[in-house]
N, C-alpha and C. Protein backbone atom coordinates (compact mmCIF):
# COMPACT_ATOMS: atom_id res chain seq x y z
N UNK A 1 1.34 -18.34 16.25
CA UNK A 1 0.15 -17.61 15.80
C UNK A 1 -0.51 -16.89 16.97
N UNK A 2 -0.90 -15.63 16.74
CA UNK A 2 -1.64 -14.88 17.74
C UNK A 2 -3.13 -14.93 17.38
N UNK A 3 -3.91 -15.48 18.28
CA UNK A 3 -5.36 -15.51 18.08
C UNK A 3 -5.95 -14.36 18.88
N UNK A 4 -6.27 -13.29 18.21
CA UNK A 4 -6.79 -12.10 18.88
C UNK A 4 -8.23 -12.30 19.32
N UNK A 5 -9.00 -13.00 18.48
CA UNK A 5 -10.40 -13.31 18.79
C UNK A 5 -10.84 -14.45 17.90
N UNK A 6 -12.12 -14.81 17.99
CA UNK A 6 -12.64 -15.86 17.11
C UNK A 6 -12.57 -15.46 15.64
N UNK A 7 -12.49 -14.16 15.39
CA UNK A 7 -12.48 -13.67 14.01
C UNK A 7 -11.09 -13.31 13.50
N UNK A 8 -10.20 -12.93 14.39
CA UNK A 8 -8.94 -12.31 13.98
C UNK A 8 -7.75 -13.13 14.46
N UNK A 9 -6.82 -13.39 13.52
CA UNK A 9 -5.59 -14.09 13.88
C UNK A 9 -4.42 -13.50 13.11
N UNK A 10 -3.24 -13.56 13.71
CA UNK A 10 -2.02 -13.04 13.10
C UNK A 10 -0.94 -14.10 13.18
N UNK A 11 -0.25 -14.30 12.06
CA UNK A 11 0.87 -15.24 12.01
C UNK A 11 2.09 -14.49 11.52
N UNK A 12 3.17 -14.58 12.28
CA UNK A 12 4.42 -13.92 11.92
C UNK A 12 5.52 -14.98 11.93
N UNK A 13 5.83 -15.47 10.72
CA UNK A 13 6.76 -16.60 10.63
C UNK A 13 7.55 -16.52 9.33
N UNK A 14 8.83 -16.85 9.42
CA UNK A 14 9.71 -16.88 8.24
C UNK A 14 9.67 -15.56 7.48
N UNK A 15 9.73 -14.45 8.23
CA UNK A 15 9.74 -13.10 7.65
C UNK A 15 8.47 -12.78 6.86
N UNK A 16 7.39 -13.45 7.20
CA UNK A 16 6.10 -13.19 6.56
C UNK A 16 5.09 -12.83 7.66
N UNK A 17 4.50 -11.65 7.55
CA UNK A 17 3.44 -11.21 8.46
C UNK A 17 2.10 -11.45 7.78
N UNK A 18 1.22 -12.16 8.45
CA UNK A 18 -0.07 -12.50 7.84
C UNK A 18 -1.21 -12.23 8.82
N UNK A 19 -2.17 -11.44 8.38
CA UNK A 19 -3.36 -11.11 9.16
C UNK A 19 -4.60 -11.65 8.45
N UNK A 20 -5.43 -12.36 9.18
CA UNK A 20 -6.68 -12.90 8.62
C UNK A 20 -7.84 -12.44 9.49
N UNK A 21 -8.85 -11.86 8.84
CA UNK A 21 -10.05 -11.39 9.55
C UNK A 21 -11.26 -12.10 8.96
N UNK A 22 -11.89 -12.93 9.77
CA UNK A 22 -13.11 -13.60 9.32
C UNK A 22 -14.29 -12.65 9.42
N UNK A 23 -15.30 -12.82 8.57
CA UNK A 23 -16.39 -11.84 8.52
C UNK A 23 -17.37 -11.89 9.68
N UNK A 24 -17.56 -13.05 10.30
CA UNK A 24 -18.57 -13.13 11.36
C UNK A 24 -18.35 -14.34 12.23
N UNK A 25 -18.82 -14.26 13.45
CA UNK A 25 -18.84 -15.43 14.33
C UNK A 25 -20.26 -15.68 14.85
N UNK A 26 -21.24 -15.06 14.18
CA UNK A 26 -22.64 -15.18 14.59
C UNK A 26 -23.41 -15.97 13.52
N UNK A 27 -23.43 -17.28 13.65
CA UNK A 27 -24.05 -18.14 12.65
C UNK A 27 -25.57 -17.95 12.58
N UNK A 28 -26.19 -17.63 13.72
CA UNK A 28 -27.64 -17.47 13.71
C UNK A 28 -28.05 -16.27 12.87
N UNK A 29 -27.23 -15.21 12.89
CA UNK A 29 -27.52 -14.05 12.06
C UNK A 29 -27.34 -14.40 10.58
N UNK A 30 -26.35 -15.23 10.29
CA UNK A 30 -26.13 -15.64 8.90
C UNK A 30 -27.31 -16.46 8.39
N UNK A 31 -27.84 -17.33 9.23
CA UNK A 31 -29.01 -18.12 8.84
C UNK A 31 -30.23 -17.22 8.63
N UNK A 32 -30.37 -16.22 9.48
CA UNK A 32 -31.48 -15.27 9.34
C UNK A 32 -31.35 -14.48 8.04
N UNK A 33 -30.11 -14.09 7.70
CA UNK A 33 -29.88 -13.37 6.45
C UNK A 33 -30.21 -14.25 5.24
N UNK A 34 -29.89 -15.54 5.32
CA UNK A 34 -30.19 -16.46 4.22
C UNK A 34 -31.70 -16.57 4.00
N UNK A 35 -32.45 -16.69 5.09
CA UNK A 35 -33.91 -16.77 4.98
C UNK A 35 -34.47 -15.50 4.35
N UNK A 36 -33.98 -14.33 4.83
CA UNK A 36 -34.44 -13.05 4.28
C UNK A 36 -34.11 -12.96 2.80
N UNK A 37 -32.91 -13.40 2.41
CA UNK A 37 -32.49 -13.33 1.02
C UNK A 37 -33.37 -14.21 0.14
N UNK A 38 -33.72 -15.40 0.64
CA UNK A 38 -34.58 -16.29 -0.13
C UNK A 38 -35.98 -15.69 -0.33
N UNK A 39 -36.52 -15.10 0.74
CA UNK A 39 -37.84 -14.47 0.63
C UNK A 39 -37.80 -13.27 -0.31
N UNK A 40 -36.72 -12.51 -0.24
CA UNK A 40 -36.57 -11.36 -1.13
C UNK A 40 -36.46 -11.82 -2.59
N UNK A 41 -35.74 -12.93 -2.83
CA UNK A 41 -35.60 -13.46 -4.18
C UNK A 41 -36.95 -13.93 -4.72
N UNK A 42 -37.72 -14.60 -3.87
CA UNK A 42 -39.05 -15.06 -4.28
C UNK A 42 -39.94 -13.87 -4.63
N UNK A 43 -39.87 -12.81 -3.82
CA UNK A 43 -40.66 -11.62 -4.13
C UNK A 43 -40.25 -11.03 -5.47
N UNK A 44 -38.94 -11.10 -5.79
CA UNK A 44 -38.47 -10.60 -7.08
C UNK A 44 -39.02 -11.39 -8.24
N UNK A 45 -39.12 -12.70 -8.07
CA UNK A 45 -39.71 -13.54 -9.12
C UNK A 45 -41.16 -13.14 -9.35
N UNK A 46 -41.87 -12.84 -8.26
CA UNK A 46 -43.26 -12.39 -8.36
C UNK A 46 -43.35 -11.06 -9.10
N UNK A 47 -42.46 -10.11 -8.77
CA UNK A 47 -42.45 -8.81 -9.44
C UNK A 47 -42.15 -8.95 -10.93
N UNK A 48 -41.22 -9.83 -11.26
CA UNK A 48 -40.87 -10.04 -12.68
C UNK A 48 -42.05 -10.62 -13.44
N UNK A 49 -42.76 -11.56 -12.81
CA UNK A 49 -43.94 -12.15 -13.46
C UNK A 49 -45.03 -11.10 -13.68
N UNK A 50 -45.16 -10.18 -12.72
CA UNK A 50 -46.14 -9.10 -12.87
C UNK A 50 -45.75 -8.20 -14.04
N UNK A 51 -44.47 -7.89 -14.15
CA UNK A 51 -44.01 -7.04 -15.26
C UNK A 51 -44.28 -7.72 -16.60
N UNK A 52 -44.02 -9.02 -16.67
CA UNK A 52 -44.28 -9.77 -17.91
C UNK A 52 -45.76 -9.73 -18.26
N UNK A 53 -46.62 -9.89 -17.25
CA UNK A 53 -48.06 -9.86 -17.49
C UNK A 53 -48.51 -8.49 -18.00
N UNK A 54 -47.97 -7.42 -17.39
CA UNK A 54 -48.31 -6.08 -17.86
C UNK A 54 -47.83 -5.86 -19.30
N UNK A 55 -46.67 -6.42 -19.63
CA UNK A 55 -46.15 -6.29 -20.99
C UNK A 55 -47.05 -7.02 -21.99
N UNK A 56 -47.52 -8.18 -21.60
CA UNK A 56 -48.41 -8.94 -22.48
C UNK A 56 -49.74 -8.21 -22.66
N UNK A 57 -50.23 -7.63 -21.57
CA UNK A 57 -51.46 -6.85 -21.68
C UNK A 57 -51.28 -5.68 -22.62
N UNK A 58 -50.12 -5.02 -22.51
CA UNK A 58 -49.83 -3.89 -23.40
C UNK A 58 -49.81 -4.32 -24.86
N UNK A 59 -49.19 -5.47 -25.13
CA UNK A 59 -49.15 -5.98 -26.51
C UNK A 59 -50.56 -6.31 -27.01
N UNK A 60 -51.36 -6.87 -26.10
CA UNK A 60 -52.73 -7.23 -26.48
C UNK A 60 -53.55 -5.99 -26.83
N UNK A 61 -53.42 -4.93 -25.99
CA UNK A 61 -54.18 -3.71 -26.26
C UNK A 61 -53.69 -3.01 -27.54
N UNK A 62 -52.41 -3.10 -27.83
CA UNK A 62 -51.91 -2.52 -29.07
C UNK A 62 -52.48 -3.26 -30.28
N UNK A 63 -52.60 -4.58 -30.15
CA UNK A 63 -53.20 -5.36 -31.24
C UNK A 63 -54.66 -4.96 -31.42
N UNK A 64 -55.37 -4.80 -30.29
CA UNK A 64 -56.77 -4.37 -30.37
C UNK A 64 -56.88 -2.99 -31.02
N UNK A 65 -55.98 -2.10 -30.66
CA UNK A 65 -56.01 -0.75 -31.22
C UNK A 65 -55.79 -0.78 -32.72
N UNK A 66 -54.79 -1.55 -33.16
CA UNK A 66 -54.52 -1.64 -34.60
C UNK A 66 -55.69 -2.25 -35.36
N UNK A 67 -56.29 -3.26 -34.75
CA UNK A 67 -57.43 -3.92 -35.40
C UNK A 67 -58.61 -2.95 -35.50
N UNK A 68 -58.90 -2.23 -34.41
CA UNK A 68 -60.01 -1.29 -34.43
C UNK A 68 -59.72 -0.14 -35.40
N UNK A 69 -58.48 0.27 -35.48
CA UNK A 69 -58.12 1.37 -36.38
C UNK A 69 -58.31 0.98 -37.84
N UNK A 70 -57.85 -0.20 -38.22
CA UNK A 70 -57.97 -0.62 -39.61
C UNK A 70 -59.41 -0.97 -39.99
N UNK A 71 -60.21 -1.39 -39.00
CA UNK A 71 -61.60 -1.70 -39.28
C UNK A 71 -62.51 -0.48 -39.08
N UNK A 72 -61.82 0.66 -38.80
CA UNK A 72 -62.52 1.94 -38.65
C UNK A 72 -63.57 1.92 -37.54
N UNK A 73 -63.26 1.18 -36.48
CA UNK A 73 -64.13 1.19 -35.31
C UNK A 73 -63.62 2.26 -34.34
N UNK A 74 -63.79 3.50 -34.77
CA UNK A 74 -63.20 4.61 -34.02
C UNK A 74 -63.81 4.80 -32.63
N UNK A 75 -65.01 4.31 -32.43
CA UNK A 75 -65.65 4.47 -31.12
C UNK A 75 -64.93 3.65 -30.04
N UNK A 76 -64.14 2.63 -30.47
CA UNK A 76 -63.42 1.80 -29.51
C UNK A 76 -62.04 2.36 -29.14
N UNK A 77 -61.55 3.26 -30.00
CA UNK A 77 -60.16 3.72 -29.81
C UNK A 77 -59.91 4.43 -28.48
N UNK A 78 -60.80 5.35 -28.02
CA UNK A 78 -60.53 6.03 -26.75
C UNK A 78 -60.37 5.07 -25.57
N UNK A 79 -61.24 4.05 -25.51
CA UNK A 79 -61.17 3.09 -24.40
C UNK A 79 -59.87 2.28 -24.47
N UNK A 80 -59.50 1.87 -25.71
CA UNK A 80 -58.27 1.08 -25.86
C UNK A 80 -57.04 1.92 -25.53
N UNK A 81 -57.08 3.19 -25.95
CA UNK A 81 -55.96 4.09 -25.62
C UNK A 81 -55.81 4.24 -24.11
N UNK A 82 -56.95 4.30 -23.43
CA UNK A 82 -56.93 4.41 -21.97
C UNK A 82 -56.31 3.15 -21.34
N UNK A 83 -56.66 1.99 -21.89
CA UNK A 83 -56.10 0.73 -21.39
C UNK A 83 -54.60 0.66 -21.66
N UNK A 84 -54.19 1.13 -22.83
CA UNK A 84 -52.76 1.13 -23.17
C UNK A 84 -51.98 2.02 -22.20
N UNK A 85 -52.52 3.20 -21.93
CA UNK A 85 -51.85 4.12 -21.00
C UNK A 85 -51.77 3.52 -19.60
N UNK A 86 -52.85 2.84 -19.21
CA UNK A 86 -52.88 2.22 -17.89
C UNK A 86 -51.79 1.16 -17.75
N UNK A 87 -51.64 0.33 -18.78
CA UNK A 87 -50.62 -0.72 -18.72
C UNK A 87 -49.22 -0.12 -18.80
N UNK A 88 -49.05 0.96 -19.56
CA UNK A 88 -47.74 1.62 -19.63
C UNK A 88 -47.33 2.17 -18.27
N UNK A 89 -48.29 2.80 -17.58
CA UNK A 89 -48.00 3.32 -16.25
C UNK A 89 -47.66 2.19 -15.27
N UNK A 90 -48.38 1.08 -15.41
CA UNK A 90 -48.11 -0.07 -14.53
C UNK A 90 -46.72 -0.63 -14.80
N UNK A 91 -46.32 -0.68 -16.09
CA UNK A 91 -44.99 -1.17 -16.43
C UNK A 91 -43.91 -0.25 -15.88
N UNK A 92 -44.10 1.05 -15.97
CA UNK A 92 -43.12 2.00 -15.43
C UNK A 92 -43.00 1.85 -13.92
N UNK A 93 -44.14 1.67 -13.27
CA UNK A 93 -44.12 1.47 -11.82
C UNK A 93 -43.39 0.19 -11.46
N UNK A 94 -43.59 -0.87 -12.24
CA UNK A 94 -42.92 -2.14 -11.98
C UNK A 94 -41.42 -2.04 -12.25
N UNK A 95 -41.02 -1.26 -13.25
CA UNK A 95 -39.59 -1.07 -13.53
C UNK A 95 -38.91 -0.40 -12.35
N UNK A 96 -39.57 0.62 -11.77
CA UNK A 96 -39.01 1.30 -10.59
C UNK A 96 -38.92 0.33 -9.41
N UNK A 97 -39.96 -0.47 -9.23
CA UNK A 97 -39.97 -1.43 -8.13
C UNK A 97 -38.88 -2.49 -8.31
N UNK A 98 -38.71 -2.95 -9.57
CA UNK A 98 -37.68 -3.95 -9.85
C UNK A 98 -36.28 -3.38 -9.66
N UNK A 99 -36.11 -2.10 -9.97
CA UNK A 99 -34.82 -1.46 -9.74
C UNK A 99 -34.49 -1.44 -8.25
N UNK A 100 -35.48 -1.09 -7.43
CA UNK A 100 -35.32 -1.10 -5.98
C UNK A 100 -35.01 -2.50 -5.49
N UNK A 101 -35.76 -3.48 -5.99
CA UNK A 101 -35.55 -4.88 -5.58
C UNK A 101 -34.16 -5.37 -5.98
N UNK A 102 -33.74 -5.09 -7.22
CA UNK A 102 -32.46 -5.58 -7.71
C UNK A 102 -31.29 -5.00 -6.92
N UNK A 103 -31.41 -3.72 -6.53
CA UNK A 103 -30.34 -3.07 -5.77
C UNK A 103 -30.11 -3.80 -4.45
N UNK A 104 -31.19 -4.05 -3.70
CA UNK A 104 -31.03 -4.71 -2.41
C UNK A 104 -30.73 -6.20 -2.57
N UNK A 105 -31.21 -6.81 -3.64
CA UNK A 105 -30.86 -8.20 -3.91
C UNK A 105 -29.36 -8.34 -4.08
N UNK A 106 -28.77 -7.43 -4.85
CA UNK A 106 -27.32 -7.46 -5.09
C UNK A 106 -26.55 -7.18 -3.80
N UNK A 107 -26.96 -6.13 -3.07
CA UNK A 107 -26.25 -5.74 -1.87
C UNK A 107 -26.27 -6.84 -0.81
N UNK A 108 -27.45 -7.39 -0.55
CA UNK A 108 -27.58 -8.39 0.50
C UNK A 108 -26.93 -9.70 0.07
N UNK A 109 -27.08 -10.08 -1.21
CA UNK A 109 -26.45 -11.31 -1.70
C UNK A 109 -24.93 -11.21 -1.60
N UNK A 110 -24.38 -10.07 -1.99
CA UNK A 110 -22.93 -9.88 -1.90
C UNK A 110 -22.47 -9.97 -0.45
N UNK A 111 -23.22 -9.35 0.46
CA UNK A 111 -22.87 -9.40 1.88
C UNK A 111 -22.98 -10.82 2.42
N UNK A 112 -24.04 -11.52 2.02
CA UNK A 112 -24.23 -12.89 2.50
C UNK A 112 -23.08 -13.79 2.08
N UNK A 113 -22.71 -13.75 0.80
CA UNK A 113 -21.64 -14.62 0.31
C UNK A 113 -20.29 -14.25 0.94
N UNK A 114 -20.09 -12.95 1.20
CA UNK A 114 -18.85 -12.57 1.86
C UNK A 114 -18.82 -13.11 3.29
N UNK A 115 -19.94 -12.96 4.00
CA UNK A 115 -19.97 -13.40 5.39
C UNK A 115 -19.90 -14.92 5.51
N UNK A 116 -20.37 -15.63 4.52
CA UNK A 116 -20.35 -17.10 4.58
C UNK A 116 -19.05 -17.68 4.03
N UNK A 117 -18.55 -17.11 2.92
CA UNK A 117 -17.40 -17.71 2.26
C UNK A 117 -16.16 -16.81 2.20
N UNK A 118 -16.26 -15.60 2.72
CA UNK A 118 -15.18 -14.65 2.53
C UNK A 118 -14.31 -14.42 3.75
N UNK A 119 -13.35 -13.54 3.57
CA UNK A 119 -12.45 -13.12 4.64
C UNK A 119 -11.59 -11.97 4.14
N UNK A 120 -11.01 -11.24 5.05
CA UNK A 120 -10.03 -10.22 4.70
C UNK A 120 -8.64 -10.76 5.02
N UNK A 121 -7.72 -10.53 4.10
CA UNK A 121 -6.35 -11.00 4.30
C UNK A 121 -5.38 -9.85 4.03
N UNK A 122 -4.45 -9.67 4.91
CA UNK A 122 -3.39 -8.68 4.72
C UNK A 122 -2.07 -9.36 5.08
N UNK A 123 -1.10 -9.26 4.20
CA UNK A 123 0.17 -9.88 4.49
C UNK A 123 1.33 -9.05 3.94
N UNK A 124 2.48 -9.19 4.59
CA UNK A 124 3.70 -8.50 4.19
C UNK A 124 4.75 -9.56 3.90
N UNK A 125 5.25 -9.53 2.67
CA UNK A 125 6.20 -10.58 2.23
C UNK A 125 7.15 -10.00 1.19
N UNK A 126 8.39 -10.30 1.34
CA UNK A 126 9.42 -9.86 0.39
C UNK A 126 9.40 -8.35 0.16
N UNK A 127 9.20 -7.60 1.24
CA UNK A 127 9.25 -6.15 1.13
C UNK A 127 8.02 -5.51 0.53
N UNK A 128 6.94 -6.25 0.39
CA UNK A 128 5.70 -5.70 -0.17
C UNK A 128 4.53 -6.09 0.72
N UNK A 129 3.52 -5.23 0.75
CA UNK A 129 2.30 -5.51 1.52
C UNK A 129 1.14 -5.75 0.56
N UNK A 130 0.32 -6.72 0.90
CA UNK A 130 -0.82 -7.08 0.05
C UNK A 130 -2.10 -7.10 0.89
N UNK A 131 -3.20 -6.75 0.24
CA UNK A 131 -4.51 -6.81 0.90
C UNK A 131 -5.51 -7.42 -0.07
N UNK A 132 -6.31 -8.32 0.44
CA UNK A 132 -7.34 -8.97 -0.38
C UNK A 132 -8.61 -9.15 0.42
N UNK A 133 -9.72 -8.79 -0.19
CA UNK A 133 -11.04 -9.08 0.36
C UNK A 133 -11.62 -10.18 -0.51
N UNK A 134 -11.49 -11.40 -0.06
CA UNK A 134 -11.80 -12.54 -0.91
C UNK A 134 -13.16 -13.15 -0.58
N UNK A 135 -13.74 -13.75 -1.60
CA UNK A 135 -14.96 -14.54 -1.44
C UNK A 135 -14.73 -15.86 -2.15
N UNK A 136 -14.76 -16.94 -1.37
CA UNK A 136 -14.50 -18.27 -1.90
C UNK A 136 -13.14 -18.31 -2.62
N UNK A 137 -12.14 -17.73 -1.96
CA UNK A 137 -10.75 -17.71 -2.44
C UNK A 137 -10.56 -16.88 -3.70
N UNK A 138 -11.49 -16.00 -3.99
CA UNK A 138 -11.37 -15.12 -5.15
C UNK A 138 -11.54 -13.67 -4.70
N UNK A 139 -10.78 -12.81 -5.34
CA UNK A 139 -10.87 -11.40 -5.01
C UNK A 139 -9.61 -10.68 -5.45
N UNK A 140 -9.77 -9.41 -5.77
CA UNK A 140 -8.63 -8.62 -6.24
C UNK A 140 -7.62 -8.44 -5.13
N UNK A 141 -6.34 -8.64 -5.47
CA UNK A 141 -5.25 -8.43 -4.52
C UNK A 141 -4.63 -7.06 -4.78
N UNK A 142 -4.62 -6.23 -3.76
CA UNK A 142 -4.02 -4.90 -3.87
C UNK A 142 -2.62 -4.93 -3.29
N UNK A 143 -1.69 -4.30 -3.99
CA UNK A 143 -0.28 -4.34 -3.59
C UNK A 143 0.18 -2.95 -3.14
N UNK A 144 0.97 -2.92 -2.06
CA UNK A 144 1.46 -1.66 -1.52
C UNK A 144 2.95 -1.78 -1.18
N UNK A 145 3.63 -0.65 -1.23
CA UNK A 145 5.01 -0.57 -0.74
C UNK A 145 4.93 -0.12 0.72
N UNK A 146 5.34 -0.95 1.66
CA UNK A 146 5.16 -0.63 3.08
C UNK A 146 5.72 0.73 3.49
N UNK A 147 6.86 1.13 2.90
CA UNK A 147 7.47 2.41 3.29
C UNK A 147 6.63 3.60 2.87
N UNK A 148 5.67 3.39 1.95
CA UNK A 148 4.82 4.48 1.48
C UNK A 148 3.45 4.49 2.16
N UNK A 149 3.26 3.57 3.08
CA UNK A 149 2.00 3.52 3.83
C UNK A 149 2.08 4.54 4.97
N UNK A 150 1.15 5.46 4.99
CA UNK A 150 1.16 6.54 5.98
C UNK A 150 -0.15 6.60 6.76
N UNK A 151 -0.08 7.21 7.91
CA UNK A 151 -1.27 7.55 8.72
C UNK A 151 -2.14 6.34 9.04
N UNK A 152 -1.49 5.23 9.38
CA UNK A 152 -2.27 4.09 9.84
C UNK A 152 -2.97 4.47 11.13
N UNK A 153 -4.28 4.23 11.20
CA UNK A 153 -5.02 4.62 12.40
C UNK A 153 -6.27 3.78 12.58
N UNK A 154 -6.76 3.80 13.80
CA UNK A 154 -8.03 3.16 14.12
C UNK A 154 -9.14 4.16 13.85
N UNK A 155 -10.16 3.74 13.12
CA UNK A 155 -11.31 4.60 12.84
C UNK A 155 -12.28 4.49 14.00
N UNK A 156 -12.54 5.62 14.64
CA UNK A 156 -13.48 5.65 15.76
C UNK A 156 -14.79 6.29 15.30
N UNK A 157 -15.78 5.48 14.93
CA UNK A 157 -17.02 6.01 14.38
C UNK A 157 -17.89 6.69 15.42
N UNK A 158 -18.68 7.64 14.95
CA UNK A 158 -19.68 8.28 15.80
C UNK A 158 -20.93 7.41 15.81
N UNK A 159 -21.07 6.59 16.80
CA UNK A 159 -22.16 5.61 16.80
C UNK A 159 -23.52 6.23 17.05
N UNK A 160 -23.55 7.53 17.28
CA UNK A 160 -24.84 8.21 17.37
C UNK A 160 -25.37 8.62 16.01
N UNK A 161 -24.54 8.47 14.98
CA UNK A 161 -24.93 8.82 13.62
C UNK A 161 -25.67 7.64 12.98
N UNK A 162 -26.84 7.94 12.37
CA UNK A 162 -27.66 6.87 11.77
C UNK A 162 -26.91 6.14 10.66
N UNK A 163 -26.19 6.88 9.81
CA UNK A 163 -25.49 6.26 8.69
C UNK A 163 -24.32 5.40 9.18
N UNK A 164 -23.69 5.80 10.26
CA UNK A 164 -22.64 4.99 10.84
C UNK A 164 -23.23 3.68 11.37
N UNK A 165 -24.38 3.77 12.01
CA UNK A 165 -25.05 2.57 12.50
C UNK A 165 -25.41 1.63 11.35
N UNK A 166 -25.81 2.19 10.23
CA UNK A 166 -26.13 1.37 9.06
C UNK A 166 -24.88 0.66 8.56
N UNK A 167 -23.74 1.38 8.52
CA UNK A 167 -22.50 0.79 8.05
C UNK A 167 -22.01 -0.33 8.97
N UNK A 168 -22.37 -0.25 10.23
CA UNK A 168 -21.96 -1.28 11.19
C UNK A 168 -23.00 -2.37 11.33
N UNK A 169 -24.05 -2.30 10.51
CA UNK A 169 -25.09 -3.32 10.55
C UNK A 169 -24.57 -4.64 9.97
N UNK A 170 -25.12 -5.73 10.45
CA UNK A 170 -24.76 -7.06 9.95
C UNK A 170 -25.15 -7.23 8.49
N UNK A 171 -26.10 -6.44 8.01
CA UNK A 171 -26.68 -6.64 6.69
C UNK A 171 -25.88 -5.97 5.57
N UNK A 172 -24.84 -5.24 5.90
CA UNK A 172 -24.05 -4.56 4.86
C UNK A 172 -22.57 -4.84 5.07
N UNK A 173 -21.80 -4.68 3.97
CA UNK A 173 -20.35 -4.80 4.05
C UNK A 173 -19.78 -3.41 4.24
N UNK A 174 -19.61 -3.02 5.46
CA UNK A 174 -19.10 -1.69 5.75
C UNK A 174 -18.61 -1.63 7.18
N UNK A 175 -18.37 -0.43 7.66
CA UNK A 175 -17.92 -0.27 9.02
C UNK A 175 -16.47 -0.67 9.22
N UNK A 176 -15.59 -0.34 8.25
CA UNK A 176 -14.17 -0.65 8.39
C UNK A 176 -13.59 0.13 9.57
N UNK A 177 -12.75 -0.51 10.36
CA UNK A 177 -12.26 0.09 11.59
C UNK A 177 -10.81 0.56 11.53
N UNK A 178 -10.10 0.25 10.44
CA UNK A 178 -8.72 0.72 10.29
C UNK A 178 -8.55 1.35 8.92
N UNK A 179 -7.61 2.27 8.83
CA UNK A 179 -7.36 2.93 7.56
C UNK A 179 -5.91 3.40 7.49
N UNK A 180 -5.44 3.62 6.25
CA UNK A 180 -4.13 4.23 6.04
C UNK A 180 -4.15 4.96 4.70
N UNK A 181 -3.22 5.87 4.55
CA UNK A 181 -3.10 6.64 3.31
C UNK A 181 -2.03 6.02 2.43
N UNK A 182 -2.34 5.97 1.13
CA UNK A 182 -1.37 5.42 0.18
C UNK A 182 -1.60 6.06 -1.18
N UNK A 183 -0.57 6.72 -1.69
CA UNK A 183 -0.65 7.39 -3.00
C UNK A 183 -1.86 8.31 -3.07
N UNK A 184 -2.03 9.13 -2.07
CA UNK A 184 -3.11 10.12 -1.99
C UNK A 184 -4.49 9.48 -1.92
N UNK A 185 -4.56 8.21 -1.59
CA UNK A 185 -5.84 7.53 -1.46
C UNK A 185 -5.97 6.96 -0.06
N UNK A 186 -7.22 6.90 0.42
CA UNK A 186 -7.50 6.34 1.74
C UNK A 186 -7.93 4.89 1.57
N UNK A 187 -7.23 3.99 2.22
CA UNK A 187 -7.55 2.56 2.15
C UNK A 187 -8.11 2.13 3.49
N UNK A 188 -9.28 1.51 3.46
CA UNK A 188 -9.94 1.07 4.69
C UNK A 188 -10.04 -0.46 4.70
N UNK A 189 -9.93 -1.03 5.89
CA UNK A 189 -10.07 -2.48 6.05
C UNK A 189 -10.48 -2.77 7.50
N UNK A 190 -10.68 -4.05 7.78
CA UNK A 190 -11.11 -4.42 9.13
C UNK A 190 -12.59 -4.22 9.34
N UNK A 191 -13.39 -4.91 8.52
CA UNK A 191 -14.84 -4.72 8.54
C UNK A 191 -15.43 -5.09 9.90
N UNK A 192 -16.05 -4.09 10.53
CA UNK A 192 -16.82 -4.26 11.76
C UNK A 192 -16.04 -4.98 12.87
N UNK A 193 -14.75 -4.64 12.98
CA UNK A 193 -13.99 -5.13 14.12
C UNK A 193 -14.46 -4.45 15.39
N UNK A 194 -14.31 -5.13 16.50
CA UNK A 194 -14.60 -4.49 17.79
C UNK A 194 -13.47 -3.53 18.13
N UNK A 195 -13.67 -2.72 19.15
CA UNK A 195 -12.62 -1.79 19.57
C UNK A 195 -11.35 -2.54 19.98
N UNK A 196 -11.52 -3.62 20.71
CA UNK A 196 -10.37 -4.41 21.16
C UNK A 196 -9.63 -5.02 19.97
N UNK A 197 -10.38 -5.60 19.04
CA UNK A 197 -9.75 -6.21 17.87
C UNK A 197 -9.03 -5.17 17.03
N UNK A 198 -9.68 -4.04 16.80
CA UNK A 198 -9.09 -2.99 15.97
C UNK A 198 -7.80 -2.46 16.58
N UNK A 199 -7.78 -2.24 17.88
CA UNK A 199 -6.59 -1.72 18.55
C UNK A 199 -5.44 -2.73 18.54
N UNK A 200 -5.76 -4.00 18.69
CA UNK A 200 -4.71 -5.03 18.64
C UNK A 200 -4.11 -5.14 17.24
N UNK A 201 -4.97 -5.13 16.23
CA UNK A 201 -4.47 -5.20 14.85
C UNK A 201 -3.63 -3.97 14.53
N UNK A 202 -4.10 -2.81 14.95
CA UNK A 202 -3.35 -1.57 14.74
C UNK A 202 -1.96 -1.67 15.35
N UNK A 203 -1.87 -2.13 16.58
CA UNK A 203 -0.60 -2.23 17.27
C UNK A 203 0.36 -3.17 16.56
N UNK A 204 -0.12 -4.34 16.17
CA UNK A 204 0.74 -5.34 15.53
C UNK A 204 1.17 -4.89 14.13
N UNK A 205 0.24 -4.32 13.38
CA UNK A 205 0.58 -3.91 12.01
C UNK A 205 1.51 -2.70 12.02
N UNK A 206 1.29 -1.78 12.93
CA UNK A 206 2.16 -0.60 13.01
C UNK A 206 3.59 -1.02 13.35
N UNK A 207 3.72 -1.96 14.26
CA UNK A 207 5.04 -2.46 14.62
C UNK A 207 5.72 -3.12 13.42
N UNK A 208 4.94 -3.88 12.65
CA UNK A 208 5.49 -4.57 11.48
C UNK A 208 5.91 -3.58 10.40
N UNK A 209 5.10 -2.54 10.19
CA UNK A 209 5.42 -1.55 9.15
C UNK A 209 6.68 -0.75 9.50
N UNK A 210 6.96 -0.59 10.79
CA UNK A 210 8.16 0.15 11.18
C UNK A 210 9.44 -0.55 10.71
N UNK A 211 9.34 -1.85 10.52
CA UNK A 211 10.51 -2.60 10.06
C UNK A 211 10.87 -2.26 8.62
N UNK A 212 9.92 -1.65 7.92
CA UNK A 212 10.12 -1.35 6.50
C UNK A 212 10.24 0.15 6.25
């Protein structure tokens, strides 16, 4: 077995090439992400409770409006209509806020579980190449014919670009450092590998693909 780093290892045995990339070696960052995720989840519970309260207020004002309408208390209708509109606007604002919250809840939760329980696996066996981004031993396995894999290369990001910096952030699943072309599609892997790790993986995998 070749241990390239604390995150990356390669095993080439019995005509099977196997590459394993662990998501992180920084446990303190993982703990910090867990705390942030818990606080974000708690804030979401608070936002949901606010939305429920606004919904109840809206139902209450509608009941008041119907009661005033049937009892012909028309002098109360303008004020009730104003209250109804106010609660409707508050509910719309909360829906937008919840959408924003849910998006980041999903993104950060997915990243957290990948970094804690996941890994990238690439292996070549019986004339076929496979790639899997697994979380807790689950994940879609993609299959490739090695002879059809083209343009394997190391991705050299422009680290002066803000969006590139975001992709290489610990908080997102991005910043893949290797890529290849297959069936007119670009396949990327090697999440946030260092330059040394990416170059070593590139060298070993390119050598292995030449055999096919």
